Amino acid sequence: METGTIVRATVESPLGTLRVLVARGVLRALLFPEEDEATVCRHLGLPFPVSREEADPAGIPSRLRAYFAGELHALDEIAVEPGGSPFSRAVRLALRRIPPGETRSYGALAVAIGRPRAVRAVGRANATNPVPIVLPCHRVIASDGRLGGYGGRPERKAWLLRHEGAHVCV
């Protein structure tokens, strides 16, 4: 995908100041406060430094604010390009089929994409998801009900699941 100009916006949230990187109206990355923007851009093949700041590119920051205000389906229509291999893209895009307030195990997600033996690879694709929250990797948990890992920190995963009304086993 030709990226062209990359636009950054910031969103104040209960999880800290989030940054979104948008190219041609498509969300390419959502970064937590501690993430290094240059590293993420390099990993995704995006130009750095980012071209410019905007308040609400493609309405994405507004939709994130609505989500944090309780409109759990506000993120459903955000256009995303998660990058990665065809397998990683399949895993990441399948995350959108998990409704807010529900969870799936890594194994169930592997089955859902037709690769039942690829549980560890599903975990890796989740761990490197460049658009967390919007592609809700926080809804994937261990088969025993524990939270499992989360690139955005386990306490954020627990917060997001509670925000969506899911039962959280810590």
N, C-alpha and C. Protein backbone atom coordinates (compact mmCIF):
# COMPACT_ATOMS: atom_id res chain seq x y z
N MET A 1 0.85 -1.19 0.00
CA MET A 1 0.00 0.00 0.00
C MET A 1 0.88 1.23 0.00
N GLU A 2 0.70 2.10 -0.96
CA GLU A 2 1.40 3.38 -1.02
C GLU A 2 0.89 4.23 0.13
N THR A 3 1.80 4.72 0.96
CA THR A 3 1.38 5.43 2.16
C THR A 3 1.19 6.92 1.95
N GLY A 4 2.03 7.55 1.13
CA GLY A 4 1.91 8.99 0.95
C GLY A 4 2.17 9.72 2.25
N THR A 5 1.37 10.72 2.50
CA THR A 5 1.50 11.55 3.69
C THR A 5 0.96 10.83 4.91
N ILE A 6 1.73 10.87 6.00
CA ILE A 6 1.28 10.30 7.26
C ILE A 6 0.90 11.44 8.18
N VAL A 7 -0.29 11.34 8.75
CA VAL A 7 -0.81 12.36 9.65
C VAL A 7 -0.90 11.76 11.05
N ARG A 8 -0.50 12.55 12.05
CA ARG A 8 -0.57 12.12 13.45
C ARG A 8 -1.64 12.92 14.16
N ALA A 9 -2.33 12.26 15.06
CA ALA A 9 -3.25 12.93 15.98
C ALA A 9 -3.05 12.29 17.35
N THR A 10 -3.35 13.05 18.38
CA THR A 10 -3.27 12.50 19.73
C THR A 10 -4.67 12.45 20.33
N VAL A 11 -4.86 11.47 21.19
CA VAL A 11 -6.14 11.26 21.84
C VAL A 11 -5.88 11.03 23.33
N GLU A 12 -6.44 11.88 24.16
CA GLU A 12 -6.35 11.66 25.60
C GLU A 12 -7.35 10.56 25.96
N SER A 13 -6.88 9.58 26.72
CA SER A 13 -7.74 8.45 27.06
C SER A 13 -7.46 8.01 28.49
N PRO A 14 -8.31 7.15 29.04
CA PRO A 14 -8.04 6.59 30.37
C PRO A 14 -6.75 5.75 30.40
N LEU A 15 -6.22 5.41 29.23
CA LEU A 15 -5.01 4.61 29.13
C LEU A 15 -3.77 5.47 28.88
N GLY A 16 -3.94 6.77 28.90
CA GLY A 16 -2.84 7.69 28.61
C GLY A 16 -3.06 8.36 27.27
N THR A 17 -2.08 9.13 26.84
CA THR A 17 -2.17 9.83 25.57
C THR A 17 -1.81 8.86 24.45
N LEU A 18 -2.80 8.58 23.61
CA LEU A 18 -2.61 7.69 22.47
C LEU A 18 -2.26 8.53 21.25
N ARG A 19 -1.50 7.95 20.35
CA ARG A 19 -1.20 8.60 19.07
C ARG A 19 -1.69 7.71 17.95
N VAL A 20 -2.34 8.31 16.97
CA VAL A 20 -2.76 7.57 15.80
C VAL A 20 -2.00 8.09 14.59
N LEU A 21 -1.62 7.18 13.71
CA LEU A 21 -0.96 7.52 12.46
C LEU A 21 -1.88 7.09 11.33
N VAL A 22 -2.22 8.04 10.48
CA VAL A 22 -3.22 7.83 9.44
C VAL A 22 -2.61 8.17 8.09
N ALA A 23 -2.85 7.32 7.10
CA ALA A 23 -2.42 7.56 5.73
C ALA A 23 -3.63 7.43 4.82
N ARG A 24 -3.93 8.49 4.08
CA ARG A 24 -5.06 8.47 3.13
C ARG A 24 -6.36 8.00 3.77
N GLY A 25 -6.62 8.44 4.99
CA GLY A 25 -7.86 8.11 5.67
C GLY A 25 -7.90 6.73 6.29
N VAL A 26 -6.78 6.03 6.29
CA VAL A 26 -6.71 4.66 6.81
C VAL A 26 -5.79 4.64 8.03
N LEU A 27 -6.27 4.06 9.12
CA LEU A 27 -5.46 3.95 10.33
C LEU A 27 -4.36 2.93 10.10
N ARG A 28 -3.11 3.36 10.29
CA ARG A 28 -1.96 2.47 10.11
C ARG A 28 -1.36 2.05 11.44
N ALA A 29 -1.47 2.92 12.47
CA ALA A 29 -0.89 2.57 13.77
C ALA A 29 -1.61 3.34 14.87
N LEU A 30 -1.72 2.70 16.03
CA LEU A 30 -2.20 3.32 17.25
C LEU A 30 -1.13 3.02 18.29
N LEU A 31 -0.56 4.06 18.86
CA LEU A 31 0.56 3.89 19.77
C LEU A 31 0.18 4.28 21.19
N PHE A 32 0.61 3.45 22.13
CA PHE A 32 0.49 3.77 23.54
C PHE A 32 1.59 4.76 23.91
N PRO A 33 1.45 5.46 25.05
CA PRO A 33 2.40 6.53 25.39
C PRO A 33 3.87 6.14 25.34
N GLU A 34 4.22 4.95 25.77
CA GLU A 34 5.63 4.56 25.86
C GLU A 34 6.22 4.06 24.54
N GLU A 35 5.40 3.90 23.52
CA GLU A 35 5.91 3.37 22.25
C GLU A 35 6.65 4.45 21.46
N ASP A 36 7.74 4.03 20.85
CA ASP A 36 8.57 4.93 20.06
C ASP A 36 8.03 5.02 18.63
N GLU A 37 7.63 6.20 18.25
CA GLU A 37 7.01 6.41 16.94
C GLU A 37 7.95 6.07 15.79
N ALA A 38 9.22 6.44 15.91
CA ALA A 38 10.19 6.16 14.84
C ALA A 38 10.33 4.65 14.62
N THR A 39 10.40 3.89 15.69
CA THR A 39 10.52 2.44 15.59
C THR A 39 9.30 1.83 14.93
N VAL A 40 8.11 2.27 15.34
CA VAL A 40 6.87 1.75 14.76
C VAL A 40 6.81 2.09 13.28
N CYS A 41 7.13 3.32 12.92
CA CYS A 41 7.11 3.71 11.51
C CYS A 41 8.09 2.86 10.69
N ARG A 42 9.27 2.67 11.22
CA ARG A 42 10.27 1.86 10.51
C ARG A 42 9.75 0.43 10.32
N HIS A 43 9.18 -0.14 11.37
CA HIS A 43 8.65 -1.51 11.30
C HIS A 43 7.53 -1.64 10.27
N LEU A 44 6.70 -0.62 10.15
CA LEU A 44 5.56 -0.66 9.23
C LEU A 44 5.90 -0.13 7.84
N GLY A 45 7.13 0.36 7.66
CA GLY A 45 7.52 0.92 6.37
C GLY A 45 6.88 2.27 6.10
N LEU A 46 6.59 3.02 7.17
CA LEU A 46 5.99 4.34 7.03
C LEU A 46 7.07 5.41 7.10
N PRO A 47 6.87 6.52 6.40
CA PRO A 47 7.86 7.60 6.48
C PRO A 47 7.90 8.21 7.88
N PHE A 48 9.10 8.60 8.29
CA PHE A 48 9.29 9.28 9.57
C PHE A 48 10.34 10.36 9.34
N PRO A 49 10.20 11.56 9.88
CA PRO A 49 9.12 11.95 10.77
C PRO A 49 7.79 12.09 10.05
N VAL A 50 6.73 12.01 10.85
CA VAL A 50 5.37 12.12 10.34
C VAL A 50 5.19 13.49 9.70
N SER A 51 4.41 13.53 8.63
CA SER A 51 4.26 14.74 7.83
C SER A 51 3.65 15.91 8.58
N ARG A 52 2.58 15.65 9.32
CA ARG A 52 1.92 16.77 10.01
C ARG A 52 0.97 16.26 11.08
N GLU A 53 0.56 17.17 11.94
CA GLU A 53 -0.46 16.91 12.97
C GLU A 53 -1.80 17.39 12.45
N GLU A 54 -2.84 16.66 12.79
CA GLU A 54 -4.20 17.12 12.53
C GLU A 54 -5.03 16.77 13.75
N ALA A 55 -6.13 17.48 13.94
CA ALA A 55 -6.96 17.26 15.11
C ALA A 55 -7.78 15.97 15.01
N ASP A 56 -8.33 15.69 13.83
CA ASP A 56 -9.25 14.56 13.72
C ASP A 56 -9.19 13.89 12.34
N PRO A 57 -8.01 13.38 11.95
CA PRO A 57 -7.91 12.78 10.62
C PRO A 57 -8.86 11.58 10.47
N ALA A 58 -9.65 11.63 9.41
CA ALA A 58 -10.62 10.58 9.08
C ALA A 58 -11.61 10.31 10.21
N GLY A 59 -11.72 11.23 11.17
CA GLY A 59 -12.65 11.06 12.28
C GLY A 59 -12.22 10.01 13.29
N ILE A 60 -11.02 9.50 13.14
CA ILE A 60 -10.56 8.41 14.00
C ILE A 60 -10.43 8.85 15.46
N PRO A 61 -9.80 9.99 15.77
CA PRO A 61 -9.75 10.40 17.18
C PRO A 61 -11.14 10.59 17.79
N SER A 62 -12.08 11.12 17.03
CA SER A 62 -13.45 11.27 17.55
C SER A 62 -14.07 9.92 17.87
N ARG A 63 -13.84 8.94 17.02
CA ARG A 63 -14.38 7.60 17.26
C ARG A 63 -13.73 6.96 18.49
N LEU A 64 -12.44 7.17 18.66
CA LEU A 64 -11.77 6.65 19.86
C LEU A 64 -12.33 7.29 21.12
N ARG A 65 -12.53 8.60 21.09
CA ARG A 65 -13.12 9.28 22.26
C ARG A 65 -14.52 8.73 22.56
N ALA A 66 -15.30 8.48 21.51
CA ALA A 66 -16.65 7.92 21.70
C ALA A 66 -16.56 6.52 22.32
N TYR A 67 -15.62 5.72 21.87
CA TYR A 67 -15.42 4.39 22.45
C TYR A 67 -15.11 4.50 23.94
N PHE A 68 -14.19 5.37 24.30
CA PHE A 68 -13.83 5.52 25.71
C PHE A 68 -14.98 6.11 26.53
N ALA A 69 -15.89 6.81 25.86
CA ALA A 69 -17.06 7.37 26.55
C ALA A 69 -18.18 6.33 26.68
N GLY A 70 -17.97 5.13 26.15
CA GLY A 70 -18.97 4.07 26.31
C GLY A 70 -19.64 3.58 25.05
N GLU A 71 -19.39 4.22 23.92
CA GLU A 71 -19.97 3.76 22.64
C GLU A 71 -19.07 2.67 22.08
N LEU A 72 -19.28 1.45 22.51
CA LEU A 72 -18.35 0.36 22.24
C LEU A 72 -18.25 -0.03 20.78
N HIS A 73 -19.21 0.34 19.97
CA HIS A 73 -19.15 0.02 18.54
C HIS A 73 -18.64 1.19 17.71
N ALA A 74 -18.18 2.24 18.34
CA ALA A 74 -17.70 3.42 17.62
C ALA A 74 -16.49 3.14 16.74
N LEU A 75 -15.76 2.08 17.03
CA LEU A 75 -14.54 1.78 16.28
C LEU A 75 -14.78 0.85 15.09
N ASP A 76 -15.99 0.31 15.00
CA ASP A 76 -16.27 -0.74 14.03
C ASP A 76 -16.01 -0.35 12.57
N GLU A 77 -16.23 0.89 12.22
CA GLU A 77 -16.13 1.29 10.82
C GLU A 77 -14.83 2.00 10.47
N ILE A 78 -13.88 2.05 11.39
CA ILE A 78 -12.60 2.69 11.09
C ILE A 78 -11.85 1.82 10.07
N ALA A 79 -11.44 2.45 8.98
CA ALA A 79 -10.64 1.74 7.98
C ALA A 79 -9.24 1.54 8.55
N VAL A 80 -8.74 0.30 8.46
CA VAL A 80 -7.42 -0.02 8.99
C VAL A 80 -6.59 -0.78 7.96
N GLU A 81 -5.29 -0.63 8.08
CA GLU A 81 -4.35 -1.44 7.32
C GLU A 81 -3.30 -1.90 8.31
N PRO A 82 -3.43 -3.15 8.79
CA PRO A 82 -2.52 -3.61 9.83
C PRO A 82 -1.16 -4.10 9.33
N GLY A 83 -0.99 -4.21 8.02
CA GLY A 83 0.28 -4.66 7.49
C GLY A 83 0.59 -6.09 7.89
N GLY A 84 1.81 -6.49 7.64
CA GLY A 84 2.26 -7.82 8.00
C GLY A 84 2.03 -8.84 6.89
N SER A 85 2.38 -10.07 7.21
CA SER A 85 2.23 -11.18 6.27
C SER A 85 0.73 -11.45 6.05
N PRO A 86 0.40 -12.21 5.01
CA PRO A 86 -1.01 -12.58 4.82
C PRO A 86 -1.61 -13.27 6.06
N PHE A 87 -0.81 -14.13 6.72
CA PHE A 87 -1.29 -14.79 7.93
C PHE A 87 -1.57 -13.77 9.03
N SER A 88 -0.62 -12.87 9.29
CA SER A 88 -0.81 -11.85 10.34
C SER A 88 -2.02 -10.97 10.05
N ARG A 89 -2.17 -10.58 8.80
CA ARG A 89 -3.32 -9.75 8.41
C ARG A 89 -4.62 -10.51 8.67
N ALA A 90 -4.65 -11.80 8.33
CA ALA A 90 -5.87 -12.60 8.54
C ALA A 90 -6.21 -12.64 10.03
N VAL A 91 -5.20 -12.87 10.87
CA VAL A 91 -5.42 -12.91 12.32
C VAL A 91 -5.96 -11.56 12.79
N ARG A 92 -5.29 -10.50 12.42
CA ARG A 92 -5.65 -9.16 12.91
C ARG A 92 -7.04 -8.74 12.45
N LEU A 93 -7.36 -9.02 11.21
CA LEU A 93 -8.68 -8.63 10.72
C LEU A 93 -9.79 -9.50 11.32
N ALA A 94 -9.47 -10.75 11.69
CA ALA A 94 -10.45 -11.62 12.34
C ALA A 94 -10.81 -11.10 13.73
N LEU A 95 -9.94 -10.32 14.33
CA LEU A 95 -10.22 -9.77 15.66
C LEU A 95 -11.51 -8.94 15.67
N ARG A 96 -11.82 -8.32 14.56
CA ARG A 96 -13.03 -7.49 14.49
C ARG A 96 -14.31 -8.31 14.60
N ARG A 97 -14.21 -9.60 14.42
CA ARG A 97 -15.41 -10.45 14.54
C ARG A 97 -15.71 -10.83 15.99
N ILE A 98 -14.84 -10.43 16.91
CA ILE A 98 -15.09 -10.68 18.33
C ILE A 98 -15.83 -9.46 18.88
N PRO A 99 -17.08 -9.60 19.27
CA PRO A 99 -17.85 -8.44 19.74
C PRO A 99 -17.32 -7.88 21.06
N PRO A 100 -17.55 -6.59 21.30
CA PRO A 100 -17.19 -6.01 22.59
C PRO A 100 -17.85 -6.80 23.72
N GLY A 101 -17.11 -6.98 24.80
CA GLY A 101 -17.64 -7.70 25.95
C GLY A 101 -17.45 -9.20 25.87
N GLU A 102 -16.94 -9.70 24.74
CA GLU A 102 -16.69 -11.12 24.58
C GLU A 102 -15.19 -11.35 24.40
N THR A 103 -14.77 -12.56 24.68
CA THR A 103 -13.38 -12.93 24.48
C THR A 103 -13.31 -14.24 23.70
N ARG A 104 -12.14 -14.51 23.15
CA ARG A 104 -11.85 -15.77 22.48
C ARG A 104 -10.47 -16.20 22.92
N SER A 105 -10.24 -17.49 22.92
CA SER A 105 -8.90 -17.99 23.22
C SER A 105 -8.05 -17.88 21.94
N TYR A 106 -6.75 -17.94 22.14
CA TYR A 106 -5.84 -17.94 20.99
C TYR A 106 -6.17 -19.14 20.09
N GLY A 107 -6.47 -20.28 20.71
CA GLY A 107 -6.84 -21.47 19.95
C GLY A 107 -8.11 -21.29 19.15
N ALA A 108 -9.11 -20.68 19.75
CA ALA A 108 -10.37 -20.43 19.03
C ALA A 108 -10.15 -19.48 17.86
N LEU A 109 -9.27 -18.50 18.04
CA LEU A 109 -8.98 -17.58 16.94
C LEU A 109 -8.24 -18.32 15.82
N ALA A 110 -7.34 -19.22 16.19
CA ALA A 110 -6.65 -20.02 15.18
C ALA A 110 -7.65 -20.86 14.38
N VAL A 111 -8.60 -21.46 15.06
CA VAL A 111 -9.65 -22.24 14.38
C VAL A 111 -10.48 -21.33 13.47
N ALA A 112 -10.82 -20.15 13.96
CA ALA A 112 -11.66 -19.21 13.19
C ALA A 112 -11.02 -18.79 11.88
N ILE A 113 -9.68 -18.77 11.82
CA ILE A 113 -9.03 -18.39 10.56
C ILE A 113 -8.62 -19.62 9.75
N GLY A 114 -9.05 -20.81 10.20
CA GLY A 114 -8.76 -22.02 9.45
C GLY A 114 -7.37 -22.59 9.66
N ARG A 115 -6.71 -22.19 10.73
CA ARG A 115 -5.35 -22.67 11.03
C ARG A 115 -5.29 -23.18 12.47
N PRO A 116 -6.02 -24.24 12.81
CA PRO A 116 -6.16 -24.67 14.20
C PRO A 116 -4.86 -25.02 14.91
N ARG A 117 -3.81 -25.34 14.17
CA ARG A 117 -2.54 -25.71 14.81
C ARG A 117 -1.61 -24.51 14.97
N ALA A 118 -2.03 -23.34 14.56
CA ALA A 118 -1.16 -22.16 14.55
C ALA A 118 -1.39 -21.26 15.76
N VAL A 119 -1.62 -21.85 16.90
CA VAL A 119 -1.95 -21.06 18.10
C VAL A 119 -0.83 -20.09 18.46
N ARG A 120 0.40 -20.56 18.46
CA ARG A 120 1.53 -19.66 18.81
C ARG A 120 1.70 -18.55 17.79
N ALA A 121 1.51 -18.86 16.53
CA ALA A 121 1.62 -17.84 15.48
C ALA A 121 0.51 -16.80 15.63
N VAL A 122 -0.67 -17.24 16.04
CA VAL A 122 -1.76 -16.30 16.32
C VAL A 122 -1.34 -15.37 17.46
N GLY A 123 -0.71 -15.92 18.49
CA GLY A 123 -0.22 -15.10 19.59
C GLY A 123 0.79 -14.07 19.13
N ARG A 124 1.71 -14.47 18.24
CA ARG A 124 2.71 -13.52 17.72
C ARG A 124 2.05 -12.43 16.89
N ALA A 125 1.08 -12.80 16.06
CA ALA A 125 0.39 -11.79 15.24
C ALA A 125 -0.35 -10.80 16.13
N ASN A 126 -0.93 -11.29 17.22
CA ASN A 126 -1.60 -10.40 18.17
C ASN A 126 -0.60 -9.48 18.84
N ALA A 127 0.53 -10.03 19.25
CA ALA A 127 1.53 -9.26 20.00
C ALA A 127 2.13 -8.14 19.16
N THR A 128 2.08 -8.27 17.86
CA THR A 128 2.66 -7.25 16.99
C THR A 128 1.59 -6.44 16.24
N ASN A 129 0.36 -6.50 16.71
CA ASN A 129 -0.74 -5.75 16.11
C ASN A 129 -0.45 -4.26 16.20
N PRO A 130 -0.34 -3.55 15.06
CA PRO A 130 -0.02 -2.13 15.12
C PRO A 130 -1.22 -1.22 15.42
N VAL A 131 -2.42 -1.79 15.44
CA VAL A 131 -3.61 -0.98 15.71
C VAL A 131 -4.45 -1.60 16.83
N PRO A 132 -3.84 -1.71 18.03
CA PRO A 132 -4.60 -2.27 19.15
C PRO A 132 -5.83 -1.41 19.43
N ILE A 133 -6.73 -1.94 20.17
CA ILE A 133 -8.02 -1.35 20.53
C ILE A 133 -8.95 -1.39 19.32
N VAL A 134 -8.54 -0.80 18.19
CA VAL A 134 -9.39 -0.80 16.99
C VAL A 134 -9.48 -2.21 16.42
N LEU A 135 -8.35 -2.90 16.30
CA LEU A 135 -8.35 -4.33 16.02
C LEU A 135 -8.12 -4.96 17.39
N PRO A 136 -9.21 -5.40 18.03
CA PRO A 136 -9.21 -5.65 19.48
C PRO A 136 -8.49 -6.92 19.93
N CYS A 137 -7.17 -6.89 19.86
CA CYS A 137 -6.38 -8.03 20.32
C CYS A 137 -6.52 -8.23 21.83
N HIS A 138 -7.01 -7.21 22.53
CA HIS A 138 -7.24 -7.37 23.98
C HIS A 138 -8.35 -8.37 24.28
N ARG A 139 -9.16 -8.72 23.29
CA ARG A 139 -10.26 -9.67 23.49
C ARG A 139 -9.81 -11.13 23.36
N VAL A 140 -8.53 -11.34 23.11
CA VAL A 140 -7.99 -12.69 22.99
C VAL A 140 -7.27 -13.03 24.29
N ILE A 141 -7.66 -14.15 24.89
CA ILE A 141 -7.14 -14.55 26.20
C ILE A 141 -6.65 -15.99 26.15
N ALA A 142 -6.02 -16.42 27.22
CA ALA A 142 -5.54 -17.80 27.32
C ALA A 142 -6.74 -18.75 27.43
N SER A 143 -6.54 -20.00 27.05
CA SER A 143 -7.63 -20.97 27.05
C SER A 143 -8.16 -21.27 28.46
N ASP A 144 -7.36 -20.98 29.49
CA ASP A 144 -7.82 -21.21 30.86
C ASP A 144 -8.53 -19.99 31.45
N GLY A 145 -8.76 -18.97 30.63
CA GLY A 145 -9.47 -17.78 31.08
C GLY A 145 -8.59 -16.66 31.60
N ARG A 146 -7.29 -16.95 31.78
CA ARG A 146 -6.39 -15.87 32.21
C ARG A 146 -6.16 -14.91 31.06
N LEU A 147 -5.73 -13.70 31.40
CA LEU A 147 -5.57 -12.67 30.37
C LEU A 147 -4.52 -13.01 29.33
N GLY A 148 -3.45 -13.65 29.73
CA GLY A 148 -2.36 -13.87 28.79
C GLY A 148 -1.61 -12.56 28.58
N GLY A 149 -0.79 -12.51 27.57
CA GLY A 149 0.02 -11.32 27.32
C GLY A 149 -0.75 -10.23 26.61
N TYR A 150 -0.13 -9.06 26.58
CA TYR A 150 -0.69 -7.92 25.86
C TYR A 150 0.42 -6.90 25.66
N GLY A 151 0.66 -6.54 24.42
CA GLY A 151 1.72 -5.59 24.11
C GLY A 151 1.52 -4.24 24.77
N GLY A 152 0.28 -3.88 25.04
CA GLY A 152 0.00 -2.60 25.67
C GLY A 152 -0.05 -2.70 27.18
N ARG A 153 0.48 -3.76 27.76
CA ARG A 153 0.55 -4.03 29.19
C ARG A 153 -0.73 -4.72 29.68
N PRO A 154 -0.58 -5.72 30.53
CA PRO A 154 -1.73 -6.49 31.02
C PRO A 154 -2.78 -5.64 31.73
N GLU A 155 -2.37 -4.62 32.47
CA GLU A 155 -3.37 -3.79 33.17
C GLU A 155 -4.24 -3.02 32.18
N ARG A 156 -3.69 -2.67 31.03
CA ARG A 156 -4.50 -2.02 29.99
C ARG A 156 -5.49 -3.02 29.40
N LYS A 157 -5.03 -4.24 29.17
CA LYS A 157 -5.91 -5.28 28.64
C LYS A 157 -7.08 -5.49 29.58
N ALA A 158 -6.79 -5.60 30.88
CA ALA A 158 -7.85 -5.78 31.88
C ALA A 158 -8.80 -4.59 31.87
N TRP A 159 -8.25 -3.37 31.78
CA TRP A 159 -9.11 -2.18 31.77
C TRP A 159 -10.03 -2.21 30.56
N LEU A 160 -9.48 -2.50 29.38
CA LEU A 160 -10.29 -2.53 28.16
C LEU A 160 -11.40 -3.57 28.25
N LEU A 161 -11.08 -4.74 28.75
CA LEU A 161 -12.10 -5.79 28.87
C LEU A 161 -13.18 -5.38 29.87
N ARG A 162 -12.80 -4.81 30.99
CA ARG A 162 -13.80 -4.33 31.96
C ARG A 162 -14.65 -3.22 31.36
N HIS A 163 -14.00 -2.32 30.64
CA HIS A 163 -14.72 -1.21 29.98
C HIS A 163 -15.81 -1.76 29.06
N GLU A 164 -15.53 -2.89 28.42
CA GLU A 164 -16.48 -3.49 27.49
C GLU A 164 -17.46 -4.43 28.18
N GLY A 165 -17.30 -4.62 29.49
CA GLY A 165 -18.23 -5.47 30.22
C GLY A 165 -17.89 -6.94 30.23
N ALA A 166 -16.67 -7.28 29.85
CA ALA A 166 -16.26 -8.70 29.87
C ALA A 166 -15.84 -9.10 31.26
N HIS A 167 -16.03 -10.37 31.56
CA HIS A 167 -15.55 -10.91 32.84
C HIS A 167 -14.03 -11.05 32.73
N VAL A 168 -13.31 -10.55 33.72
CA VAL A 168 -11.86 -10.58 33.70
C VAL A 168 -11.35 -11.46 34.81
N CYS A 169 -10.56 -12.46 34.46
CA CYS A 169 -9.95 -13.37 35.43
C CYS A 169 -8.46 -13.05 35.49
N VAL A 170 -8.03 -12.48 36.60
CA VAL A 170 -6.60 -12.11 36.71
C VAL A 170 -5.84 -13.06 37.58
